[in-house]
Amino acid sequence: MEKAQLKRHDMLFLTDEGKRLLVQELLPGYRGARRDMVEEIFEGPTDIPGFVRRDEGQEKKIAIGFVHPVKIEENRLRVAAYVPENSVRKVLRPYDVAGHLVTPCHYCVEAALFLQKYAEEHGLQVGVLGSVALEIVTGICYTDRDSDLDMLVKPAPLEKLAAMYKTAKAKYPNVPLDFEVELPNGFGVKLAELFMDTGTVLGKSLTQVDLLNKKEVLSFLN
């Protein structure tokens, strides 16, 4: 897998050798329960993928982040690392998370499955991010009653995106929703910001965060 082909939010599964080398590199920096949790991420019975994260300048390696399913002191352990390209055996885009069978642990996962079906019926493309994506892919309960639902959306007419958002809010009023529109220019913008009366929106890419002209962003939504 070439680094240049990767996008924000991609989920990466590592080779056994890649995980072995990474855990050897990371373990000296952890103690106690956190050390055990790092070992569980990479050496446990479930193949837990990491997320591509914002690149911080290591040109020959991929910036990646892993999350342990169990909270410690109200937060989940997040492990940031860099891996060589040859350590990646599989890439899963957020849109490819659809189709995995799972018994939802909480309403946010149920909402994601509902929105996947809604999108298919209405000619939209949605992808699942964050803890919900990890739960669907691994079968481990990554979510709890406080979890929100992060989803990635391909460009489409704004009125269709607004209808989807309104439908989701009405059906799952207690699930915090965070939709990001993935633009062809490599940036992602929050869908909620496109409904606001502003001249710019905040865009995030693999390498930068910048204010984007809202009219130019809306031109992608057709």
C-alpha atoms as a PDB file:
ATOM      1  CA  MET A   1       0.000   0.000   0.000  1.00  0.00           C
ATOM      2  CA  GLU A   2       1.457   3.340  -1.099  1.00  0.00           C
ATOM      3  CA  LYS A   3       1.143   6.175   1.378  1.00  0.00           C
ATOM      4  CA  ALA A   4       0.011   8.596  -1.345  1.00  0.00           C
ATOM      5  CA  GLN A   5      -3.130   6.522  -1.933  1.00  0.00           C
ATOM      6  CA  LEU A   6      -4.349   6.764   1.648  1.00  0.00           C
ATOM      7  CA  LYS A   7      -7.008   9.191   2.839  1.00  0.00           C
ATOM      8  CA  ARG A   8      -8.148  10.522   6.190  1.00  0.00           C
ATOM      9  CA  HIS A   9     -10.185   8.038   8.214  1.00  0.00           C
ATOM     10  CA  ASP A  10      -8.955   4.961   6.301  1.00  0.00           C
ATOM     11  CA  MET A  11      -8.676   1.907   8.562  1.00  0.00           C
ATOM     12  CA  LEU A  12      -5.426  -0.040   8.233  1.00  0.00           C
ATOM     13  CA  PHE A  13      -4.906  -3.672   9.200  1.00  0.00           C
ATOM     14  CA  LEU A  14      -1.266  -4.526   9.843  1.00  0.00           C
ATOM     15  CA  THR A  15       0.672  -7.669   9.036  1.00  0.00           C
ATOM     16  CA  ASP A  16       1.635  -9.928  11.937  1.00  0.00           C
ATOM     17  CA  GLU A  17       5.252  -8.867  11.534  1.00  0.00           C
ATOM     18  CA  GLY A  18       4.240  -5.213  11.427  1.00  0.00           C
ATOM     19  CA  LYS A  19       2.333  -5.559  14.701  1.00  0.00           C
ATOM     20  CA  ARG A  20       5.195  -7.458  16.314  1.00  0.00           C
ATOM     21  CA  LEU A  21       7.707  -4.746  15.462  1.00  0.00           C
ATOM     22  CA  LEU A  22       5.332  -1.968  16.495  1.00  0.00           C
ATOM     23  CA  VAL A  23       4.551  -3.431  19.902  1.00  0.00           C
ATOM     24  CA  GLN A  24       8.296  -3.856  20.563  1.00  0.00           C
ATOM     25  CA  GLU A  25       8.784  -0.187  19.702  1.00  0.00           C
ATOM     26  CA  LEU A  26       5.866   1.113  21.763  1.00  0.00           C
ATOM     27  CA  LEU A  27       5.893  -0.970  24.959  1.00  0.00           C
ATOM     28  CA  PRO A  28       8.886   0.743  26.635  1.00  0.00           C
ATOM     29  CA  GLY A  29       6.838   3.956  26.747  1.00  0.00           C
ATOM     30  CA  TYR A  30       3.998   2.444  28.812  1.00  0.00           C
ATOM     31  CA  ARG A  31       3.630   1.096  32.343  1.00  0.00           C
ATOM     32  CA  GLY A  32       1.055  -0.877  34.303  1.00  0.00           C
ATOM     33  CA  ALA A  33      -2.478  -1.216  32.932  1.00  0.00           C
ATOM     34  CA  ARG A  34      -1.696   0.926  29.884  1.00  0.00           C
ATOM     35  CA  ARG A  35       1.156  -1.385  28.930  1.00  0.00           C
ATOM     36  CA  ASP A  36      -1.215  -4.371  29.151  1.00  0.00           C
ATOM     37  CA  MET A  37      -3.726  -2.537  26.954  1.00  0.00           C
ATOM     38  CA  VAL A  38      -1.124  -1.817  24.284  1.00  0.00           C
ATOM     39  CA  GLU A  39      -0.273  -5.517  24.217  1.00  0.00           C
ATOM     40  CA  GLU A  40      -3.978  -6.373  23.882  1.00  0.00           C
ATOM     41  CA  ILE A  41      -4.381  -4.067  20.863  1.00  0.00           C
ATOM     42  CA  PHE A  42      -1.598  -5.743  18.921  1.00  0.00           C
ATOM     43  CA  GLU A  43      -1.432  -9.254  20.390  1.00  0.00           C
ATOM     44  CA  GLY A  44      -5.044  -9.938  21.371  1.00  0.00           C
ATOM     45  CA  PRO A  45      -7.360 -12.435  19.614  1.00  0.00           C
ATOM     46  CA  THR A  46      -9.093  -9.723  17.538  1.00  0.00           C
ATOM     47  CA  ASP A  47      -7.381  -7.992  14.624  1.00  0.00           C
ATOM     48  CA  ILE A  48      -7.872  -4.332  15.579  1.00  0.00           C
ATOM     49  CA  PRO A  49      -7.175  -1.838  12.787  1.00  0.00           C
ATOM     50  CA  GLY A  50      -5.720   1.633  13.192  1.00  0.00           C
ATOM     51  CA  PHE A  51      -6.917   4.874  11.629  1.00  0.00           C
ATOM     52  CA  VAL A  52      -4.854   7.002   9.273  1.00  0.00           C
ATOM     53  CA  ARG A  53      -4.222  10.260  11.122  1.00  0.00           C
ATOM     54  CA  ARG A  54      -2.865  13.639  10.151  1.00  0.00           C
ATOM     55  CA  ASP A  55       0.694  13.327   8.844  1.00  0.00           C
ATOM     56  CA  GLU A  56       3.300  15.132  10.926  1.00  0.00           C
ATOM     57  CA  GLY A  57       6.234  14.917   8.574  1.00  0.00           C
ATOM     58  CA  GLN A  58       7.619  11.371   8.499  1.00  0.00           C
ATOM     59  CA  GLU A  59       7.667  10.993   4.732  1.00  0.00           C
ATOM     60  CA  LYS A  60       8.604   7.316   4.607  1.00  0.00           C
ATOM     61  CA  LYS A  61       6.067   6.141   7.183  1.00  0.00           C
ATOM     62  CA  ILE A  62       2.302   6.260   7.652  1.00  0.00           C
ATOM     63  CA  ALA A  63       0.866   8.117  10.654  1.00  0.00           C
ATOM     64  CA  ILE A  64      -1.629   5.808  12.337  1.00  0.00           C
ATOM     65  CA  GLY A  65      -3.640   5.715  15.549  1.00  0.00           C
ATOM     66  CA  PHE A  66      -5.084   2.795  17.512  1.00  0.00           C
ATOM     67  CA  VAL A  67      -7.779   2.760  20.201  1.00  0.00           C
ATOM     68  CA  HIS A  68      -8.365   0.258  23.003  1.00  0.00           C
ATOM     69  CA  PRO A  69     -12.049  -0.622  23.552  1.00  0.00           C
ATOM     70  CA  VAL A  70     -11.992  -0.272  27.358  1.00  0.00           C
ATOM     71  CA  LYS A  71     -12.063   3.155  28.987  1.00  0.00           C
ATOM     72  CA  ILE A  72      -9.521   4.038  31.630  1.00  0.00           C
ATOM     73  CA  GLU A  73     -10.195   7.156  33.723  1.00  0.00           C
ATOM     74  CA  GLU A  74     -13.220   7.954  31.506  1.00  0.00           C
ATOM     75  CA  ASN A  75     -11.158   7.870  28.302  1.00  0.00           C
ATOM     76  CA  ARG A  76      -9.997   5.199  25.894  1.00  0.00           C
ATOM     77  CA  LEU A  77      -6.290   4.615  25.474  1.00  0.00           C
ATOM     78  CA  ARG A  78      -5.183   6.061  22.134  1.00  0.00           C
ATOM     79  CA  VAL A  79      -1.886   4.930  20.693  1.00  0.00           C
ATOM     80  CA  ALA A  80      -0.209   7.093  18.051  1.00  0.00           C
ATOM     81  CA  ALA A  81       2.470   5.508  15.892  1.00  0.00           C
ATOM     82  CA  TYR A  82       4.191   5.443  12.507  1.00  0.00           C
ATOM     83  CA  VAL A  83       4.395   2.331  10.375  1.00  0.00           C
ATOM     84  CA  PRO A  84       6.224   1.547   7.119  1.00  0.00           C
ATOM     85  CA  GLU A  85       4.088   0.949   4.049  1.00  0.00           C
ATOM     86  CA  ASN A  86       4.996  -2.737   3.916  1.00  0.00           C
ATOM     87  CA  SER A  87       3.417  -3.260   7.351  1.00  0.00           C
ATOM     88  CA  VAL A  88      -0.077  -2.652   5.923  1.00  0.00           C
ATOM     89  CA  ARG A  89      -1.863  -5.778   4.681  1.00  0.00           C
ATOM     90  CA  LYS A  90      -5.356  -4.322   4.138  1.00  0.00           C
ATOM     91  CA  VAL A  91      -7.042  -0.923   3.811  1.00  0.00           C
ATOM     92  CA  LEU A  92     -10.712  -0.416   4.642  1.00  0.00           C
ATOM     93  CA  ARG A  93     -12.357   2.832   3.584  1.00  0.00           C
ATOM     94  CA  PRO A  94     -15.203   4.147   5.783  1.00  0.00           C
ATOM     95  CA  TYR A  95     -17.653   3.422   2.958  1.00  0.00           C
ATOM     96  CA  ASP A  96     -16.594  -0.239   2.977  1.00  0.00           C
ATOM     97  CA  VAL A  97     -17.567  -0.692   6.618  1.00  0.00           C
ATOM     98  CA  ALA A  98     -21.120  -1.234   5.338  1.00  0.00           C
ATOM     99  CA  GLY A  99     -22.211  -4.820   5.077  1.00  0.00           C
ATOM    100  CA  HIS A 100     -20.484  -6.113   8.214  1.00  0.00           C
ATOM    101  CA  LEU A 101     -22.976  -7.933  10.415  1.00  0.00           C
ATOM    102  CA  VAL A 102     -23.092  -6.798  14.019  1.00  0.00           C
ATOM    103  CA  THR A 103     -25.457  -6.825  16.974  1.00  0.00           C
ATOM    104  CA  PRO A 104     -25.498  -3.180  18.059  1.00  0.00           C
ATOM    105  CA  CYS A 105     -24.332  -2.536  21.613  1.00  0.00           C
ATOM    106  CA  HIS A 106     -25.909   0.939  21.657  1.00  0.00           C
ATOM    107  CA  TYR A 107     -28.193   3.176  19.633  1.00  0.00           C
ATOM    108  CA  CYS A 108     -25.349   4.944  17.832  1.00  0.00           C
ATOM    109  CA  VAL A 109     -24.460   1.694  16.045  1.00  0.00           C
ATOM    110  CA  GLU A 110     -28.093   1.043  15.220  1.00  0.00           C
ATOM    111  CA  ALA A 111     -28.275   4.580  13.813  1.00  0.00           C
ATOM    112  CA  ALA A 112     -25.236   3.926  11.599  1.00  0.00           C
ATOM    113  CA  LEU A 113     -26.808   0.783  10.168  1.00  0.00           C
ATOM    114  CA  PHE A 114     -30.061   2.666   9.559  1.00  0.00           C
ATOM    115  CA  LEU A 115     -28.231   5.466   7.738  1.00  0.00           C
ATOM    116  CA  GLN A 116     -26.354   3.011   5.543  1.00  0.00           C
ATOM    117  CA  LYS A 117     -29.690   1.583   4.420  1.00  0.00           C
ATOM    118  CA  TYR A 118     -31.194   5.070   4.025  1.00  0.00           C
ATOM    119  CA  ALA A 119     -28.249   6.200   1.896  1.00  0.00           C
ATOM    120  CA  GLU A 120     -28.521   3.172  -0.366  1.00  0.00           C
ATOM    121  CA  GLU A 121     -32.228   3.825  -0.909  1.00  0.00           C
ATOM    122  CA  HIS A 122     -31.696   7.529  -1.674  1.00  0.00           C
ATOM    123  CA  GLY A 123     -28.626   7.393  -3.897  1.00  0.00           C
ATOM    124  CA  LEU A 124     -26.179   8.645  -1.266  1.00  0.00           C
ATOM    125  CA  GLN A 125     -22.847   7.282  -0.077  1.00  0.00           C
ATOM    126  CA  VAL A 126     -22.023   7.254   3.617  1.00  0.00           C
ATOM    127  CA  GLY A 127     -19.141   5.808   5.572  1.00  0.00           C
ATOM    128  CA  VAL A 128     -18.769   5.017   9.256  1.00  0.00           C
ATOM    129  CA  LEU A 129     -15.991   6.471  11.421  1.00  0.00           C
ATOM    130  CA  GLY A 130     -14.602   6.248  14.931  1.00  0.00           C
ATOM    131  CA  SER A 131     -15.767   3.909  17.666  1.00  0.00           C
ATOM    132  CA  VAL A 132     -18.852   2.838  15.735  1.00  0.00           C
ATOM    133  CA  ALA A 133     -16.704   1.739  12.791  1.00  0.00           C
ATOM    134  CA  LEU A 134     -14.388  -0.186  15.103  1.00  0.00           C
ATOM    135  CA  GLU A 135     -17.351  -1.921  16.725  1.00  0.00           C
ATOM    136  CA  ILE A 136     -18.854  -2.942  13.391  1.00  0.00           C
ATOM    137  CA  VAL A 137     -15.531  -4.204  12.026  1.00  0.00           C
ATOM    138  CA  THR A 138     -14.231  -6.016  15.113  1.00  0.00           C
ATOM    139  CA  GLY A 139     -17.428  -7.073  16.879  1.00  0.00           C
ATOM    140  CA  ILE A 140     -16.053  -5.583  20.121  1.00  0.00           C
ATOM    141  CA  CYS A 141     -18.257  -3.123  22.051  1.00  0.00           C
ATOM    142  CA  TYR A 142     -16.380   0.116  21.458  1.00  0.00           C
ATOM    143  CA  THR A 143     -19.461   2.273  22.087  1.00  0.00           C
ATOM    144  CA  ASP A 144     -21.442   3.172  25.201  1.00  0.00           C
ATOM    145  CA  ARG A 145     -24.486   5.278  25.991  1.00  0.00           C
ATOM    146  CA  ASP A 146     -22.397   8.457  25.715  1.00  0.00           C
ATOM    147  CA  SER A 147     -20.967   7.668  22.271  1.00  0.00           C
ATOM    148  CA  ASP A 148     -21.714   9.854  19.279  1.00  0.00           C
ATOM    149  CA  LEU A 149     -21.975   8.817  15.653  1.00  0.00           C
ATOM    150  CA  ASP A 150     -19.330  10.062  13.226  1.00  0.00           C
ATOM    151  CA  MET A 151     -20.043   9.498   9.547  1.00  0.00           C
ATOM    152  CA  LEU A 152     -18.361  10.412   6.279  1.00  0.00           C
ATOM    153  CA  VAL A 153     -20.506  11.496   3.336  1.00  0.00           C
ATOM    154  CA  LYS A 154     -19.728  11.727  -0.365  1.00  0.00           C
ATOM    155  CA  PRO A 155     -20.734  15.011  -2.079  1.00  0.00           C
ATOM    156  CA  ALA A 156     -24.400  15.168  -3.085  1.00  0.00           C
ATOM    157  CA  PRO A 157     -27.029  17.902  -3.492  1.00  0.00           C
ATOM    158  CA  LEU A 158     -27.251  19.828  -0.229  1.00  0.00           C
ATOM    159  CA  GLU A 159     -31.008  19.309   0.043  1.00  0.00           C
ATOM    160  CA  LYS A 160     -30.532  15.519  -0.057  1.00  0.00           C
ATOM    161  CA  LEU A 161     -27.854  15.682   2.619  1.00  0.00           C
ATOM    162  CA  ALA A 162     -30.077  17.949   4.717  1.00  0.00           C
ATOM    163  CA  ALA A 163     -32.982  15.495   4.407  1.00  0.00           C
ATOM    164  CA  MET A 164     -30.782  12.619   5.558  1.00  0.00           C
ATOM    165  CA  TYR A 165     -29.501  14.642   8.510  1.00  0.00           C
ATOM    166  CA  LYS A 166     -33.044  15.688   9.492  1.00  0.00           C
ATOM    167  CA  THR A 167     -34.296  12.108   9.243  1.00  0.00           C
ATOM    168  CA  ALA A 168     -31.467  10.811  11.421  1.00  0.00           C
ATOM    169  CA  LYS A 169     -32.039  13.526  14.048  1.00  0.00           C
ATOM    170  CA  ALA A 170     -35.737  12.719  14.181  1.00  0.00           C
ATOM    171  CA  LYS A 171     -35.295   8.943  14.440  1.00  0.00           C
ATOM    172  CA  TYR A 172     -32.363   9.043  16.893  1.00  0.00           C
ATOM    173  CA  PRO A 173     -32.793  12.276  18.894  1.00  0.00           C
ATOM    174  CA  ASN A 174     -30.496  11.102  21.693  1.00  0.00           C
ATOM    175  CA  VAL A 175     -27.559  10.186  19.442  1.00  0.00           C
ATOM    176  CA  PRO A 176     -25.127  13.068  18.806  1.00  0.00           C
ATOM    177  CA  LEU A 177     -24.488  13.169  15.051  1.00  0.00           C
ATOM    178  CA  ASP A 178     -21.304  14.427  13.398  1.00  0.00           C
ATOM    179  CA  PHE A 179     -21.343  14.197   9.598  1.00  0.00           C
ATOM    180  CA  GLU A 180     -18.304  15.135   7.514  1.00  0.00           C
ATOM    181  CA  VAL A 181     -18.494  15.702   3.767  1.00  0.00           C
ATOM    182  CA  GLU A 182     -15.449  14.320   1.933  1.00  0.00           C
ATOM    183  CA  LEU A 183     -14.527  16.739  -0.870  1.00  0.00           C
ATOM    184  CA  PRO A 184     -12.658  15.878  -4.089  1.00  0.00           C
ATOM    185  CA  ASN A 185      -9.893  18.337  -3.146  1.00  0.00           C
ATOM    186  CA  GLY A 186      -8.808  16.162  -0.212  1.00  0.00           C
ATOM    187  CA  PHE A 187     -10.502  18.235   2.484  1.00  0.00           C
ATOM    188  CA  GLY A 188     -13.372  17.250   4.710  1.00  0.00           C
ATOM    189  CA  VAL A 189     -15.915  19.747   6.064  1.00  0.00           C
ATOM    190  CA  LYS A 190     -18.615  19.403   8.696  1.00  0.00           C
ATOM    191  CA  LEU A 191     -22.048  19.058   7.145  1.00  0.00           C
ATOM    192  CA  ALA A 192     -23.589  21.167   9.916  1.00  0.00           C
ATOM    193  CA  GLU A 193     -21.359  24.113   8.921  1.00  0.00           C
ATOM    194  CA  LEU A 194     -22.807  24.066   5.402  1.00  0.00           C
ATOM    195  CA  PHE A 195     -26.212  24.927   6.854  1.00  0.00           C
ATOM    196  CA  MET A 196     -24.838  28.041   8.605  1.00  0.00           C
ATOM    197  CA  ASP A 197     -24.845  31.565   7.227  1.00  0.00           C
ATOM    198  CA  THR A 198     -21.077  31.941   6.856  1.00  0.00           C
ATOM    199  CA  GLY A 199     -18.660  32.753   4.050  1.00  0.00           C
ATOM    200  CA  THR A 200     -16.108  30.103   4.986  1.00  0.00           C
ATOM    201  CA  VAL A 201     -16.034  26.609   6.470  1.00  0.00           C
ATOM    202  CA  LEU A 202     -13.250  24.786   8.281  1.00  0.00           C
ATOM    203  CA  GLY A 203     -11.605  22.140   6.114  1.00  0.00           C
ATOM    204  CA  LYS A 204      -9.313  19.335   7.257  1.00  0.00           C
ATOM    205  CA  SER A 205      -7.028  17.204   5.111  1.00  0.00           C
ATOM    206  CA  LEU A 206      -4.260  14.728   5.846  1.00  0.00           C
ATOM    207  CA  THR A 207      -1.697  17.502   5.951  1.00  0.00           C
ATOM    208  CA  GLN A 208      -3.452  20.731   6.902  1.00  0.00           C
ATOM    209  CA  VAL A 209      -6.370  22.580   8.440  1.00  0.00           C
ATOM    210  CA  ASP A 210      -7.632  25.636   6.588  1.00  0.00           C
ATOM    211  CA  LEU A 211     -10.628  27.890   6.025  1.00  0.00           C
ATOM    212  CA  LEU A 212     -12.291  27.155   2.705  1.00  0.00           C
ATOM    213  CA  ASN A 213     -14.487  29.424   0.614  1.00  0.00           C
ATOM    214  CA  LYS A 214     -18.021  28.202   1.202  1.00  0.00           C
ATOM    215  CA  LYS A 215     -19.181  28.926  -2.355  1.00  0.00           C
ATOM    216  CA  GLU A 216     -16.367  26.784  -3.719  1.00  0.00           C
ATOM    217  CA  VAL A 217     -17.265  23.987  -1.320  1.00  0.00           C
ATOM    218  CA  LEU A 218     -20.932  24.120  -2.312  1.00  0.00           C
ATOM    219  CA  SER A 219     -19.913  23.820  -5.970  1.00  0.00           C
ATOM    220  CA  PHE A 220     -18.841  20.226  -5.214  1.00  0.00           C
ATOM    221  CA  LEU A 221     -22.326  19.322  -4.008  1.00  0.00           C
ATOM    222  CA  ASN A 222     -24.166  18.386  -7.160  1.00  0.00           C
END
